[in-house]
Amino acid sequence: MPGTPDEPDFSGLDGGEDQQADDIVREVVGWYNAEIVAARRAPAPDDERIETLKAGRAAALADQAQLTTADPEEAARIAAVYAARLSELKKS
């Protein structure tokens, strides 16, 4: 249900489904960027974790690029997938 603590409510945002999807994917990319920076700055950087983070970021960027041609249903699906992903990433 949108607006519950487990799923962000994007209904108040302007721009329709495609903009909402772009915003949430951008937030996921930002999470990956912050984690990559933190992992690189760690006293003993974990190269495997850094590569995993970079792969996750690359996948998110690819999905974000796909939004340029997505119909409203696909944009809504991507928004839902990335909202759930962001929730999980923030818990980890």
N, C-alpha and C. Protein backbone atom coordinates (compact mmCIF):
# COMPACT_ATOMS: atom_id res chain seq x y z
N MET A 1 0.85 -1.18 0.00
CA MET A 1 0.00 0.00 0.00
C MET A 1 0.89 1.23 0.00
N PRO A 2 0.76 2.15 -0.95
CA PRO A 2 1.58 3.35 -0.99
C PRO A 2 1.42 4.17 0.27
N GLY A 3 2.51 4.72 0.74
CA GLY A 3 2.48 5.56 1.91
C GLY A 3 2.74 4.82 3.21
N THR A 4 2.77 3.50 3.17
CA THR A 4 3.09 2.76 4.38
C THR A 4 4.59 2.87 4.61
N PRO A 5 5.07 2.60 5.80
CA PRO A 5 6.52 2.68 6.04
C PRO A 5 7.34 1.77 5.14
N ASP A 6 6.75 0.70 4.63
CA ASP A 6 7.48 -0.24 3.79
C ASP A 6 7.54 0.17 2.33
N GLU A 7 6.66 1.03 1.90
CA GLU A 7 6.64 1.44 0.49
C GLU A 7 6.39 2.94 0.42
N PRO A 8 7.35 3.69 -0.10
CA PRO A 8 7.17 5.14 -0.20
C PRO A 8 5.96 5.51 -1.05
N ASP A 9 5.34 6.62 -0.71
CA ASP A 9 4.20 7.12 -1.46
C ASP A 9 4.68 8.24 -2.37
N PHE A 10 4.68 7.99 -3.67
CA PHE A 10 5.13 8.99 -4.64
C PHE A 10 3.95 9.70 -5.29
N SER A 11 2.74 9.49 -4.78
CA SER A 11 1.55 10.03 -5.43
C SER A 11 1.52 11.55 -5.44
N GLY A 12 2.20 12.20 -4.51
CA GLY A 12 2.19 13.65 -4.46
C GLY A 12 3.23 14.31 -5.34
N LEU A 13 4.08 13.53 -5.96
CA LEU A 13 5.13 14.09 -6.80
C LEU A 13 4.59 14.47 -8.17
N ASP A 14 5.11 15.55 -8.71
CA ASP A 14 4.74 15.95 -10.06
C ASP A 14 5.52 15.12 -11.07
N GLY A 15 5.00 15.06 -12.30
CA GLY A 15 5.75 14.45 -13.37
C GLY A 15 5.27 13.09 -13.82
N GLY A 16 4.30 12.51 -13.20
CA GLY A 16 3.78 11.23 -13.64
C GLY A 16 4.68 10.07 -13.28
N GLU A 17 4.28 8.90 -13.77
CA GLU A 17 4.98 7.65 -13.43
C GLU A 17 6.43 7.67 -13.88
N ASP A 18 6.70 8.21 -15.07
CA ASP A 18 8.08 8.19 -15.56
C ASP A 18 8.99 9.03 -14.69
N GLN A 19 8.52 10.18 -14.24
CA GLN A 19 9.34 11.03 -13.37
C GLN A 19 9.52 10.38 -12.00
N GLN A 20 8.47 9.78 -11.49
CA GLN A 20 8.56 9.11 -10.20
C GLN A 20 9.56 7.97 -10.27
N ALA A 21 9.50 7.21 -11.34
CA ALA A 21 10.44 6.10 -11.51
C ALA A 21 11.86 6.63 -11.62
N ASP A 22 12.06 7.68 -12.39
CA ASP A 22 13.39 8.27 -12.53
C ASP A 22 13.92 8.75 -11.18
N ASP A 23 13.06 9.37 -10.39
CA ASP A 23 13.47 9.86 -9.07
C ASP A 23 13.92 8.73 -8.15
N ILE A 24 13.16 7.65 -8.11
CA ILE A 24 13.51 6.56 -7.20
C ILE A 24 14.74 5.82 -7.69
N VAL A 25 14.88 5.65 -9.00
CA VAL A 25 16.09 5.00 -9.52
C VAL A 25 17.29 5.88 -9.22
N ARG A 26 17.14 7.19 -9.37
CA ARG A 26 18.23 8.12 -9.07
C ARG A 26 18.62 8.01 -7.58
N GLU A 27 17.65 7.84 -6.72
CA GLU A 27 17.94 7.69 -5.29
C GLU A 27 18.72 6.39 -5.03
N VAL A 28 18.37 5.33 -5.73
CA VAL A 28 19.11 4.07 -5.59
C VAL A 28 20.54 4.25 -6.10
N VAL A 29 20.71 4.91 -7.23
CA VAL A 29 22.05 5.18 -7.76
C VAL A 29 22.85 5.99 -6.74
N GLY A 30 22.22 6.96 -6.12
CA GLY A 30 22.89 7.76 -5.09
C GLY A 30 23.33 6.91 -3.91
N TRP A 31 22.49 5.95 -3.53
CA TRP A 31 22.86 5.05 -2.43
C TRP A 31 24.10 4.26 -2.81
N TYR A 32 24.10 3.71 -4.03
CA TYR A 32 25.27 2.96 -4.49
C TYR A 32 26.51 3.84 -4.52
N ASN A 33 26.38 5.07 -5.02
CA ASN A 33 27.52 5.98 -5.08
C ASN A 33 28.11 6.22 -3.68
N ALA A 34 27.25 6.49 -2.72
CA ALA A 34 27.70 6.74 -1.36
C ALA A 34 28.39 5.51 -0.77
N GLU A 35 27.84 4.34 -1.03
CA GLU A 35 28.43 3.11 -0.51
C GLU A 35 29.78 2.82 -1.17
N ILE A 36 29.89 3.10 -2.46
CA ILE A 36 31.16 2.89 -3.16
C ILE A 36 32.23 3.80 -2.57
N VAL A 37 31.89 5.05 -2.36
CA VAL A 37 32.85 6.00 -1.78
C VAL A 37 33.27 5.53 -0.38
N ALA A 38 32.31 5.14 0.43
CA ALA A 38 32.62 4.67 1.78
C ALA A 38 33.49 3.42 1.74
N ALA A 39 33.18 2.51 0.84
CA ALA A 39 33.95 1.26 0.75
C ALA A 39 35.38 1.54 0.29
N ARG A 40 35.54 2.47 -0.62
CA ARG A 40 36.89 2.82 -1.09
C ARG A 40 37.71 3.50 -0.01
N ARG A 41 37.05 4.25 0.87
CA ARG A 41 37.74 4.98 1.93
C ARG A 41 38.00 4.14 3.17
N ALA A 42 37.48 2.94 3.20
CA ALA A 42 37.65 2.07 4.35
C ALA A 42 39.14 1.77 4.55
N PRO A 43 39.56 1.55 5.80
CA PRO A 43 40.97 1.25 6.06
C PRO A 43 41.48 0.05 5.25
N ALA A 44 40.62 -0.93 5.06
CA ALA A 44 40.97 -2.10 4.24
C ALA A 44 39.85 -2.30 3.23
N PRO A 45 39.90 -1.60 2.09
CA PRO A 45 38.82 -1.70 1.10
C PRO A 45 38.57 -3.15 0.66
N ASP A 46 37.31 -3.49 0.59
CA ASP A 46 36.88 -4.82 0.16
C ASP A 46 36.58 -4.73 -1.34
N ASP A 47 37.54 -5.17 -2.16
CA ASP A 47 37.40 -5.05 -3.61
C ASP A 47 36.18 -5.80 -4.14
N GLU A 48 35.86 -6.92 -3.54
CA GLU A 48 34.69 -7.69 -3.99
C GLU A 48 33.40 -6.90 -3.74
N ARG A 49 33.30 -6.29 -2.57
CA ARG A 49 32.11 -5.48 -2.25
C ARG A 49 32.03 -4.28 -3.20
N ILE A 50 33.15 -3.65 -3.46
CA ILE A 50 33.16 -2.50 -4.36
C ILE A 50 32.67 -2.91 -5.75
N GLU A 51 33.13 -4.04 -6.24
CA GLU A 51 32.70 -4.51 -7.56
C GLU A 51 31.21 -4.85 -7.55
N THR A 52 30.71 -5.43 -6.47
CA THR A 52 29.29 -5.74 -6.36
C THR A 52 28.47 -4.46 -6.37
N LEU A 53 28.93 -3.46 -5.63
CA LEU A 53 28.24 -2.17 -5.61
C LEU A 53 28.25 -1.51 -6.98
N LYS A 54 29.38 -1.57 -7.65
CA LYS A 54 29.48 -0.98 -8.99
C LYS A 54 28.55 -1.68 -9.97
N ALA A 55 28.41 -2.99 -9.85
CA ALA A 55 27.50 -3.74 -10.72
C ALA A 55 26.05 -3.35 -10.45
N GLY A 56 25.71 -3.19 -9.17
CA GLY A 56 24.35 -2.76 -8.82
C GLY A 56 24.05 -1.38 -9.36
N ARG A 57 25.03 -0.48 -9.26
CA ARG A 57 24.86 0.87 -9.78
C ARG A 57 24.70 0.83 -11.30
N ALA A 58 25.50 0.02 -11.98
CA ALA A 58 25.41 -0.08 -13.44
C ALA A 58 24.04 -0.59 -13.87
N ALA A 59 23.51 -1.55 -13.15
CA ALA A 59 22.18 -2.08 -13.48
C ALA A 59 21.11 -1.00 -13.28
N ALA A 60 21.23 -0.24 -12.21
CA ALA A 60 20.27 0.83 -11.96
C ALA A 60 20.35 1.90 -13.05
N LEU A 61 21.56 2.24 -13.46
CA LEU A 61 21.73 3.23 -14.52
C LEU A 61 21.15 2.73 -15.84
N ALA A 62 21.29 1.45 -16.11
CA ALA A 62 20.71 0.87 -17.33
C ALA A 62 19.19 0.93 -17.28
N ASP A 63 18.61 0.63 -16.12
CA ASP A 63 17.15 0.71 -15.98
C ASP A 63 16.69 2.16 -16.10
N GLN A 64 17.48 3.08 -15.57
CA GLN A 64 17.13 4.49 -15.67
C GLN A 64 17.12 4.93 -17.14
N ALA A 65 18.09 4.49 -17.90
CA ALA A 65 18.14 4.82 -19.32
C ALA A 65 16.93 4.24 -20.05
N GLN A 66 16.49 3.07 -19.63
CA GLN A 66 15.34 2.40 -20.25
C GLN A 66 14.05 3.20 -20.02
N LEU A 67 14.03 4.02 -18.98
CA LEU A 67 12.83 4.79 -18.69
C LEU A 67 12.50 5.80 -19.78
N THR A 68 13.47 6.18 -20.58
CA THR A 68 13.21 7.18 -21.62
C THR A 68 12.21 6.68 -22.66
N THR A 69 12.10 5.37 -22.80
CA THR A 69 11.16 4.80 -23.77
C THR A 69 10.06 3.97 -23.13
N ALA A 70 10.02 3.96 -21.81
CA ALA A 70 9.04 3.13 -21.09
C ALA A 70 7.65 3.75 -21.15
N ASP A 71 6.64 2.87 -21.27
CA ASP A 71 5.27 3.34 -21.18
C ASP A 71 4.92 3.51 -19.70
N PRO A 72 3.78 4.11 -19.37
CA PRO A 72 3.43 4.36 -17.97
C PRO A 72 3.40 3.10 -17.10
N GLU A 73 2.94 1.99 -17.66
CA GLU A 73 2.89 0.75 -16.88
C GLU A 73 4.30 0.26 -16.54
N GLU A 74 5.19 0.31 -17.52
CA GLU A 74 6.57 -0.12 -17.28
C GLU A 74 7.25 0.82 -16.30
N ALA A 75 7.00 2.11 -16.43
CA ALA A 75 7.58 3.08 -15.49
C ALA A 75 7.09 2.81 -14.07
N ALA A 76 5.81 2.50 -13.92
CA ALA A 76 5.26 2.19 -12.60
C ALA A 76 5.90 0.92 -12.04
N ARG A 77 6.12 -0.07 -12.90
CA ARG A 77 6.75 -1.32 -12.45
C ARG A 77 8.17 -1.04 -11.98
N ILE A 78 8.92 -0.26 -12.75
CA ILE A 78 10.29 0.06 -12.38
C ILE A 78 10.31 0.85 -11.07
N ALA A 79 9.39 1.79 -10.91
CA ALA A 79 9.32 2.57 -9.68
C ALA A 79 9.07 1.66 -8.48
N ALA A 80 8.16 0.70 -8.63
CA ALA A 80 7.86 -0.21 -7.52
C ALA A 80 9.06 -1.09 -7.19
N VAL A 81 9.72 -1.61 -8.22
CA VAL A 81 10.90 -2.47 -8.00
C VAL A 81 11.99 -1.69 -7.26
N TYR A 82 12.23 -0.47 -7.71
CA TYR A 82 13.31 0.31 -7.10
C TYR A 82 12.94 0.86 -5.73
N ALA A 83 11.67 1.12 -5.47
CA ALA A 83 11.24 1.52 -4.13
C ALA A 83 11.51 0.38 -3.15
N ALA A 84 11.19 -0.84 -3.57
CA ALA A 84 11.45 -2.01 -2.71
C ALA A 84 12.96 -2.21 -2.54
N ARG A 85 13.71 -2.05 -3.62
CA ARG A 85 15.16 -2.21 -3.55
C ARG A 85 15.78 -1.18 -2.61
N LEU A 86 15.34 0.06 -2.71
CA LEU A 86 15.88 1.11 -1.84
C LEU A 86 15.59 0.80 -0.38
N SER A 87 14.39 0.33 -0.12
CA SER A 87 14.04 -0.05 1.25
C SER A 87 14.97 -1.13 1.77
N GLU A 88 15.23 -2.14 0.96
CA GLU A 88 16.14 -3.23 1.36
C GLU A 88 17.58 -2.72 1.52
N LEU A 89 18.02 -1.87 0.60
CA LEU A 89 19.39 -1.36 0.67
C LEU A 89 19.60 -0.54 1.95
N LYS A 90 18.62 0.24 2.31
CA LYS A 90 18.73 1.06 3.52
C LYS A 90 18.74 0.22 4.79
N LYS A 91 18.15 -0.97 4.73
CA LYS A 91 18.15 -1.86 5.89
C LYS A 91 19.49 -2.58 6.06
N SER A 92 20.24 -2.70 4.95
CA SER A 92 21.49 -3.48 4.99
C SER A 92 22.65 -2.67 5.55
